[in-house]
C-alpha atoms as a PDB file:
ATOM      1  CA  MET A   1      81.647 -16.370 -13.984  1.00  0.00           C
ATOM      2  CA  SER A   2      81.044 -19.883 -12.667  1.00  0.00           C
ATOM      3  CA  GLU A   3      78.255 -21.794 -14.353  1.00  0.00           C
ATOM      4  CA  ALA A   4      77.419 -23.619 -11.130  1.00  0.00           C
ATOM      5  CA  ASP A   5      76.707 -20.618  -8.933  1.00  0.00           C
ATOM      6  CA  GLY A   6      76.723 -17.564 -11.161  1.00  0.00           C
ATOM      7  CA  THR A   7      79.578 -15.832  -9.322  1.00  0.00           C
ATOM      8  CA  ALA A   8      82.787 -14.453 -10.784  1.00  0.00           C
ATOM      9  CA  GLY A   9      86.028 -15.280  -9.017  1.00  0.00           C
ATOM     10  CA  GLU A  10      84.400 -16.634  -5.836  1.00  0.00           C
ATOM     11  CA  ALA A  11      84.935 -20.151  -4.582  1.00  0.00           C
ATOM     12  CA  PRO A  12      81.747 -22.198  -4.789  1.00  0.00           C
ATOM     13  CA  THR A  13      79.930 -22.577  -1.474  1.00  0.00           C
ATOM     14  CA  ASN A  14      78.941 -25.836   0.103  1.00  0.00           C
ATOM     15  CA  PRO A  15      75.114 -26.171   0.216  1.00  0.00           C
ATOM     16  CA  VAL A  16      75.382 -27.586   3.729  1.00  0.00           C
ATOM     17  CA  SER A  17      77.192 -24.458   4.962  1.00  0.00           C
ATOM     18  CA  THR A  18      74.618 -22.151   3.349  1.00  0.00           C
ATOM     19  CA  GLY A  19      71.766 -24.201   4.824  1.00  0.00           C
ATOM     20  CA  ARG A  20      73.186 -25.160   8.200  1.00  0.00           C
ATOM     21  CA  LEU A  21      69.858 -24.992  10.021  1.00  0.00           C
ATOM     22  CA  SER A  22      68.029 -26.962   7.325  1.00  0.00           C
ATOM     23  CA  PHE A  23      70.759 -29.623   7.331  1.00  0.00           C
ATOM     24  CA  ALA A  24      70.615 -29.851  11.144  1.00  0.00           C
ATOM     25  CA  ILE A  25      66.822 -30.321  10.994  1.00  0.00           C
ATOM     26  CA  PHE A  26      67.177 -32.962   8.280  1.00  0.00           C
ATOM     27  CA  SER A  27      69.897 -34.837  10.236  1.00  0.00           C
ATOM     28  CA  MET A  28      67.958 -34.696  13.508  1.00  0.00           C
ATOM     29  CA  ALA A  29      64.683 -35.824  11.880  1.00  0.00           C
ATOM     30  CA  ARG A  30      66.462 -38.679  10.131  1.00  0.00           C
ATOM     31  CA  ALA A  31      68.069 -39.915  13.366  1.00  0.00           C
ATOM     32  CA  HIS A  32      64.783 -39.557  15.293  1.00  0.00           C
ATOM     33  CA  ARG A  33      62.824 -41.370  12.577  1.00  0.00           C
ATOM     34  CA  ALA A  34      65.393 -44.209  12.427  1.00  0.00           C
ATOM     35  CA  TYR A  35      65.272 -44.732  16.194  1.00  0.00           C
ATOM     36  CA  ALA A  36      61.474 -44.626  16.189  1.00  0.00           C
ATOM     37  CA  ALA A  37      61.445 -47.219  13.372  1.00  0.00           C
ATOM     38  CA  GLU A  38      63.746 -49.451  15.423  1.00  0.00           C
ATOM     39  CA  LEU A  39      61.417 -49.247  18.413  1.00  0.00           C
ATOM     40  CA  LEU A  40      58.371 -49.852  16.215  1.00  0.00           C
ATOM     41  CA  ARG A  41      59.936 -52.975  14.687  1.00  0.00           C
ATOM     42  CA  GLU A  42      60.024 -54.413  18.211  1.00  0.00           C
ATOM     43  CA  LEU A  43      56.220 -53.943  18.260  1.00  0.00           C
ATOM     44  CA  ASP A  44      55.913 -55.391  14.727  1.00  0.00           C
ATOM     45  CA  LEU A  45      54.672 -52.035  13.421  1.00  0.00           C
ATOM     46  CA  HIS A  46      55.775 -49.961  10.437  1.00  0.00           C
ATOM     47  CA  PRO A  47      56.434 -46.217  10.825  1.00  0.00           C
ATOM     48  CA  GLY A  48      53.178 -44.292  10.559  1.00  0.00           C
ATOM     49  CA  GLN A  49      51.043 -47.157  11.841  1.00  0.00           C
ATOM     50  CA  GLU A  50      51.592 -45.989  15.419  1.00  0.00           C
ATOM     51  CA  LEU A  51      50.190 -42.574  14.491  1.00  0.00           C
ATOM     52  CA  LEU A  52      47.064 -44.166  13.055  1.00  0.00           C
ATOM     53  CA  LEU A  53      46.634 -46.364  16.132  1.00  0.00           C
ATOM     54  CA  MET A  54      47.131 -43.402  18.475  1.00  0.00           C
ATOM     55  CA  GLN A  55      44.539 -41.358  16.542  1.00  0.00           C
ATOM     56  CA  LEU A  56      42.067 -44.228  16.831  1.00  0.00           C
ATOM     57  CA  MET A  57      42.858 -44.668  20.525  1.00  0.00           C
ATOM     58  CA  GLU A  58      41.991 -41.006  20.993  1.00  0.00           C
ATOM     59  CA  ARG A  59      38.804 -41.253  18.911  1.00  0.00           C
ATOM     60  CA  ASP A  60      37.829 -44.657  17.566  1.00  0.00           C
ATOM     61  CA  GLY A  61      35.613 -45.027  14.516  1.00  0.00           C
ATOM     62  CA  GLN A  62      37.119 -42.265  12.387  1.00  0.00           C
ATOM     63  CA  THR A  63      36.790 -42.398   8.640  1.00  0.00           C
ATOM     64  CA  GLN A  64      39.876 -42.939   6.515  1.00  0.00           C
ATOM     65  CA  ALA A  65      39.565 -39.335   5.367  1.00  0.00           C
ATOM     66  CA  GLU A  66      39.586 -38.092   8.970  1.00  0.00           C
ATOM     67  CA  LEU A  67      42.628 -40.223   9.769  1.00  0.00           C
ATOM     68  CA  LEU A  68      44.343 -38.943   6.651  1.00  0.00           C
ATOM     69  CA  ALA A  69      43.810 -35.341   7.737  1.00  0.00           C
ATOM     70  CA  SER A  70      44.941 -35.976  11.303  1.00  0.00           C
ATOM     71  CA  VAL A  71      48.243 -37.736  10.597  1.00  0.00           C
ATOM     72  CA  GLY A  72      49.432 -35.723   7.603  1.00  0.00           C
ATOM     73  CA  LEU A  73      50.361 -38.755   5.494  1.00  0.00           C
ATOM     74  CA  ASP A  74      49.364 -39.245   1.871  1.00  0.00           C
ATOM     75  CA  HIS A  75      46.308 -41.287   0.845  1.00  0.00           C
ATOM     76  CA  SER A  76      48.188 -44.287  -0.521  1.00  0.00           C
ATOM     77  CA  THR A  77      50.374 -44.569   2.586  1.00  0.00           C
ATOM     78  CA  VAL A  78      47.357 -44.482   4.920  1.00  0.00           C
ATOM     79  CA  SER A  79      45.425 -46.945   2.753  1.00  0.00           C
ATOM     80  CA  LYS A  80      48.341 -49.382   2.589  1.00  0.00           C
ATOM     81  CA  SER A  81      49.017 -49.039   6.332  1.00  0.00           C
ATOM     82  CA  LEU A  82      45.383 -49.654   7.241  1.00  0.00           C
ATOM     83  CA  LYS A  83      45.266 -52.703   4.961  1.00  0.00           C
ATOM     84  CA  ARG A  84      48.346 -54.167   6.687  1.00  0.00           C
ATOM     85  CA  MET A  85      46.912 -53.347  10.104  1.00  0.00           C
ATOM     86  CA  GLN A  86      43.631 -54.999   9.178  1.00  0.00           C
ATOM     87  CA  GLU A  87      45.460 -58.121   7.996  1.00  0.00           C
ATOM     88  CA  ARG A  88      47.225 -58.207  11.399  1.00  0.00           C
ATOM     89  CA  GLY A  89      43.907 -57.912  13.212  1.00  0.00           C
ATOM     90  CA  LEU A  90      44.603 -54.451  14.696  1.00  0.00           C
ATOM     91  CA  VAL A  91      41.753 -52.578  12.960  1.00  0.00           C
ATOM     92  CA  GLU A  92      38.501 -53.253  11.138  1.00  0.00           C
ATOM     93  CA  ARG A  93      37.212 -51.209   8.218  1.00  0.00           C
ATOM     94  CA  GLU A  94      33.621 -50.963   7.159  1.00  0.00           C
ATOM     95  CA  PRO A  95      31.642 -48.699   4.845  1.00  0.00           C
ATOM     96  CA  THR A  96      29.961 -45.767   6.565  1.00  0.00           C
ATOM     97  CA  GLU A  97      26.189 -45.675   6.868  1.00  0.00           C
ATOM     98  CA  HIS A  98      25.745 -42.537   4.772  1.00  0.00           C
ATOM     99  CA  ASP A  99      28.322 -43.223   2.028  1.00  0.00           C
ATOM    100  CA  ARG A 100      29.234 -46.805   1.101  1.00  0.00           C
ATOM    101  CA  ARG A 101      32.464 -45.563  -0.563  1.00  0.00           C
ATOM    102  CA  ALA A 102      33.769 -43.964   2.665  1.00  0.00           C
ATOM    103  CA  MET A 103      35.377 -46.374   5.130  1.00  0.00           C
ATOM    104  CA  ARG A 104      35.115 -46.164   8.916  1.00  0.00           C
ATOM    105  CA  VAL A 105      38.052 -47.549  10.877  1.00  0.00           C
ATOM    106  CA  ARG A 106      37.734 -49.112  14.314  1.00  0.00           C
ATOM    107  CA  LEU A 107      40.246 -50.699  16.649  1.00  0.00           C
ATOM    108  CA  THR A 108      39.930 -54.378  17.403  1.00  0.00           C
ATOM    109  CA  PRO A 109      40.660 -55.665  20.909  1.00  0.00           C
ATOM    110  CA  LYS A 110      44.144 -56.561  19.621  1.00  0.00           C
ATOM    111  CA  GLY A 111      44.581 -53.000  18.343  1.00  0.00           C
ATOM    112  CA  GLU A 112      43.376 -51.554  21.648  1.00  0.00           C
ATOM    113  CA  GLY A 113      45.909 -53.841  23.332  1.00  0.00           C
ATOM    114  CA  MET A 114      48.671 -51.847  21.628  1.00  0.00           C
ATOM    115  CA  ARG A 115      47.915 -48.844  23.873  1.00  0.00           C
ATOM    116  CA  GLY A 116      50.361 -49.807  26.638  1.00  0.00           C
ATOM    117  CA  PRO A 117      53.220 -50.883  24.342  1.00  0.00           C
ATOM    118  CA  LEU A 118      52.833 -47.710  22.249  1.00  0.00           C
ATOM    119  CA  GLU A 119      52.809 -45.478  25.326  1.00  0.00           C
ATOM    120  CA  ARG A 120      56.018 -47.177  26.559  1.00  0.00           C
ATOM    121  CA  MET A 121      57.624 -46.917  23.109  1.00  0.00           C
ATOM    122  CA  TRP A 122      56.743 -43.216  22.825  1.00  0.00           C
ATOM    123  CA  ALA A 123      58.047 -42.601  26.369  1.00  0.00           C
ATOM    124  CA  THR A 124      61.344 -44.320  25.489  1.00  0.00           C
ATOM    125  CA  LEU A 125      61.697 -42.216  22.345  1.00  0.00           C
ATOM    126  CA  GLU A 126      60.962 -39.072  24.334  1.00  0.00           C
ATOM    127  CA  ARG A 127      63.390 -39.911  27.181  1.00  0.00           C
ATOM    128  CA  THR A 128      66.174 -40.572  24.701  1.00  0.00           C
ATOM    129  CA  SER A 129      65.395 -37.425  22.714  1.00  0.00           C
ATOM    130  CA  VAL A 130      65.451 -35.081  25.700  1.00  0.00           C
ATOM    131  CA  ARG A 131      68.188 -36.812  27.674  1.00  0.00           C
ATOM    132  CA  ASP A 132      70.563 -33.802  27.561  1.00  0.00           C
ATOM    133  CA  LEU A 133      67.922 -31.066  27.691  1.00  0.00           C
ATOM    134  CA  ASP A 134      66.404 -29.374  30.706  1.00  0.00           C
ATOM    135  CA  GLU A 135      62.779 -28.216  30.739  1.00  0.00           C
ATOM    136  CA  ARG A 136      63.733 -24.750  29.463  1.00  0.00           C
ATOM    137  CA  GLY A 137      65.668 -26.289  26.557  1.00  0.00           C
ATOM    138  CA  ILE A 138      62.718 -28.500  25.661  1.00  0.00           C
ATOM    139  CA  GLU A 139      60.309 -25.551  25.675  1.00  0.00           C
ATOM    140  CA  GLN A 140      62.708 -23.458  23.574  1.00  0.00           C
ATOM    141  CA  PHE A 141      63.121 -26.269  21.070  1.00  0.00           C
ATOM    142  CA  ILE A 142      59.362 -26.724  20.744  1.00  0.00           C
ATOM    143  CA  ALA A 143      58.826 -22.982  20.297  1.00  0.00           C
ATOM    144  CA  THR A 144      61.598 -22.753  17.697  1.00  0.00           C
ATOM    145  CA  SER A 145      60.245 -25.812  15.852  1.00  0.00           C
ATOM    146  CA  GLU A 146      56.780 -24.269  15.740  1.00  0.00           C
ATOM    147  CA  THR A 147      58.214 -20.980  14.443  1.00  0.00           C
ATOM    148  CA  ILE A 148      60.070 -22.769  11.649  1.00  0.00           C
ATOM    149  CA  LYS A 149      57.041 -24.913  10.785  1.00  0.00           C
ATOM    150  CA  ARG A 150      54.787 -21.863  10.631  1.00  0.00           C
ATOM    151  CA  ALA A 151      57.283 -20.022   8.391  1.00  0.00           C
ATOM    152  CA  ILE A 152      57.344 -22.957   5.996  1.00  0.00           C
ATOM    153  CA  LEU A 153      53.558 -23.391   5.965  1.00  0.00           C
ATOM    154  CA  GLU A 154      53.003 -19.668   5.469  1.00  0.00           C
ATOM    155  CA  ARG A 155      55.738 -19.242   2.822  1.00  0.00           C
ATOM    156  CA  HIS A 156      53.295 -18.517  -0.008  1.00  0.00           C
ATOM    157  CA  ALA A 157      51.628 -15.675   1.910  1.00  0.00           C
ATOM    158  CA  ALA A 158      55.019 -14.139   2.694  1.00  0.00           C
ATOM    159  CA  GLU A 159      56.144 -14.382  -0.955  1.00  0.00           C
ATOM    160  CA  SER A 160      53.076 -12.491  -2.218  1.00  0.00           C
END
Protein backbone atom coordinates (compact mmCIF):
# COMPACT_ATOMS: atom_id res chain seq x y z
CA MET A 1 0.00 0.00 0.00
CA SER A 2 1.35 3.42 -0.91
CA GLU A 3 1.65 5.87 1.96
CA ALA A 4 0.89 8.80 -0.32
CA ASP A 5 -2.49 7.68 -1.59
CA GLY A 6 -3.48 4.61 0.38
CA THR A 7 -3.71 2.33 -2.66
CA ALA A 8 -1.99 -1.01 -3.19
CA GLY A 9 -0.28 -1.60 -6.51
CA GLU A 10 -1.82 1.41 -8.29
CA ALA A 11 0.25 4.20 -9.80
CA PRO A 12 -0.26 7.46 -7.92
CA THR A 13 -2.60 9.89 -9.66
CA ASN A 14 -1.78 13.44 -10.54
CA PRO A 15 -3.93 15.87 -8.51
CA VAL A 16 -4.43 17.99 -11.64
CA SER A 17 -5.92 15.03 -13.52
CA THR A 18 -8.27 14.20 -10.64
CA GLY A 19 -9.33 17.83 -10.35
CA ARG A 20 -9.36 18.91 -13.98
CA LEU A 21 -12.31 21.27 -13.61
CA SER A 22 -10.92 22.87 -10.46
CA PHE A 23 -7.52 23.34 -12.11
CA ALA A 24 -9.17 24.89 -15.18
CA ILE A 25 -11.11 27.32 -12.95
CA PHE A 26 -7.94 28.20 -11.04
CA SER A 27 -5.94 28.76 -14.26
CA MET A 28 -8.68 30.85 -15.86
CA ALA A 29 -9.20 32.98 -12.74
CA ARG A 30 -5.47 33.56 -12.42
CA ALA A 31 -5.12 34.68 -16.05
CA HIS A 32 -8.22 36.90 -15.78
CA ARG A 33 -7.01 38.46 -12.52
CA ALA A 34 -3.53 39.09 -13.98
CA TYR A 35 -4.95 40.83 -17.04
CA ALA A 36 -7.33 42.89 -14.89
CA ALA A 37 -4.38 43.91 -12.67
CA GLU A 38 -2.44 44.99 -15.77
CA LEU A 39 -5.34 47.16 -16.92
CA LEU A 40 -5.80 48.57 -13.41
CA ARG A 41 -2.12 49.55 -13.18
CA GLU A 42 -2.71 51.78 -16.20
CA LEU A 43 -5.35 53.57 -14.08
CA ASP A 44 -3.01 53.64 -11.06
CA LEU A 45 -5.36 51.36 -9.12
CA HIS A 46 -4.71 48.16 -7.20
CA PRO A 47 -6.93 45.10 -7.71
CA GLY A 48 -10.05 45.38 -5.57
CA GLN A 49 -10.05 49.17 -5.57
CA GLU A 50 -12.10 49.20 -8.77
CA LEU A 51 -14.76 47.09 -7.06
CA LEU A 52 -14.98 49.57 -4.19
CA LEU A 53 -15.18 52.50 -6.60
CA MET A 54 -17.88 50.80 -8.67
CA GLN A 55 -19.92 50.05 -5.54
CA LEU A 56 -19.67 53.70 -4.51
CA MET A 57 -20.56 54.84 -8.03
CA GLU A 58 -23.69 52.72 -7.76
CA ARG A 59 -24.54 54.00 -4.26
CA ASP A 60 -22.30 56.65 -2.77
CA GLY A 61 -22.04 57.14 0.98
CA GLN A 62 -21.97 53.49 2.03
CA THR A 63 -20.39 52.50 5.31
CA GLN A 64 -17.21 50.46 5.29
CA ALA A 65 -19.25 47.51 6.59
CA GLU A 66 -21.67 47.80 3.65
CA LEU A 67 -18.78 47.96 1.19
CA LEU A 68 -17.17 44.98 2.86
CA ALA A 69 -20.34 42.92 2.43
CA SER A 70 -20.85 43.98 -1.19
CA VAL A 71 -17.36 43.22 -2.54
CA GLY A 72 -16.62 40.02 -0.63
CA LEU A 73 -13.12 41.07 0.45
CA ASP A 74 -11.78 40.77 3.98
CA HIS A 75 -11.85 43.67 6.45
CA SER A 76 -8.11 44.42 6.39
CA THR A 77 -8.00 44.46 2.57
CA VAL A 78 -10.93 46.88 2.35
CA SER A 79 -9.54 49.08 5.11
CA LYS A 80 -6.09 49.24 3.50
CA SER A 81 -7.58 49.87 0.04
CA LEU A 82 -9.79 52.68 1.31
CA LYS A 83 -6.84 54.27 3.11
CA ARG A 84 -4.79 54.23 -0.11
CA MET A 85 -7.74 55.57 -2.09
CA GLN A 86 -8.24 58.35 0.45
CA GLU A 87 -4.55 59.28 0.24
CA ARG A 88 -4.93 59.51 -3.56
CA GLY A 89 -7.97 61.77 -3.18
CA LEU A 90 -10.47 59.27 -4.64
CA VAL A 91 -12.65 58.87 -1.51
CA GLU A 92 -13.38 60.58 1.77
CA ARG A 93 -14.18 58.77 5.01
CA GLU A 94 -16.05 60.24 7.92
CA PRO A 95 -17.69 58.85 11.03
CA THR A 96 -21.41 58.17 10.70
CA GLU A 97 -23.90 60.33 12.56
CA HIS A 98 -25.29 57.49 14.69
CA ASP A 99 -22.03 55.63 15.48
CA ARG A 100 -18.72 57.51 15.56
CA ARG A 101 -16.82 54.19 15.19
CA ALA A 102 -18.52 53.35 11.87
CA MET A 103 -17.08 55.10 8.81
CA ARG A 104 -19.08 56.38 5.84
CA VAL A 105 -17.25 56.44 2.50
CA ARG A 106 -17.97 58.97 -0.23
CA LEU A 107 -16.46 59.55 -3.64
CA THR A 108 -14.57 62.76 -4.24
CA PRO A 109 -14.88 64.50 -7.61
CA LYS A 110 -11.60 62.79 -8.55
CA GLY A 111 -13.08 59.42 -7.57
CA GLU A 112 -16.24 60.13 -9.56
CA GLY A 113 -13.96 61.02 -12.48
CA MET A 114 -12.82 57.38 -12.54
CA ARG A 115 -16.26 56.28 -13.82
CA GLY A 116 -15.38 56.58 -17.53
CA PRO A 117 -11.92 55.02 -17.29
CA LEU A 118 -13.30 52.13 -15.20
CA GLU A 119 -16.14 51.50 -17.62
CA ARG A 120 -13.63 51.40 -20.51
CA MET A 121 -11.27 49.13 -18.55
CA TRP A 122 -14.10 46.74 -17.66
CA ALA A 123 -15.31 46.74 -21.30
CA THR A 124 -11.78 45.89 -22.50
CA LEU A 125 -11.53 43.04 -20.00
CA GLU A 126 -14.95 41.75 -21.10
CA ARG A 127 -14.18 42.00 -24.84
CA THR A 128 -10.95 40.08 -24.39
CA SER A 129 -12.58 37.47 -22.16
CA VAL A 130 -15.44 36.69 -24.54
CA ARG A 131 -13.51 37.13 -27.80
CA ASP A 132 -13.99 33.49 -28.90
CA LEU A 133 -17.45 32.96 -27.40
CA ASP A 134 -20.84 33.54 -28.96
CA GLU A 135 -23.82 34.72 -26.90
CA ARG A 136 -24.93 31.13 -26.22
CA GLY A 137 -21.44 30.21 -24.97
CA ILE A 138 -21.38 33.24 -22.69
CA GLU A 139 -24.78 32.37 -21.21
CA GLN A 140 -23.76 28.72 -20.73
CA PHE A 141 -20.53 29.78 -19.01
CA ILE A 142 -22.37 32.12 -16.66
CA ALA A 143 -24.94 29.44 -15.81
CA THR A 144 -22.24 26.83 -15.21
CA SER A 145 -20.24 29.26 -13.08
CA GLU A 146 -23.31 30.01 -10.96
CA THR A 147 -24.01 26.29 -10.54
CA ILE A 148 -20.44 25.65 -9.35
CA LYS A 149 -20.50 28.67 -7.04
CA ARG A 150 -23.80 27.57 -5.51
CA ALA A 151 -22.48 24.03 -4.97
CA ILE A 152 -19.44 25.40 -3.17
CA LEU A 153 -21.44 27.84 -1.04
CA GLU A 154 -23.99 25.16 -0.15
CA ARG A 155 -21.43 22.41 0.53
CA HIS A 156 -22.12 22.28 4.27
CA ALA A 157 -25.84 21.72 3.77
CA ALA A 158 -25.14 18.92 1.26
CA GLU A 159 -22.67 17.24 3.64
CA SER A 160 -25.19 17.10 6.50
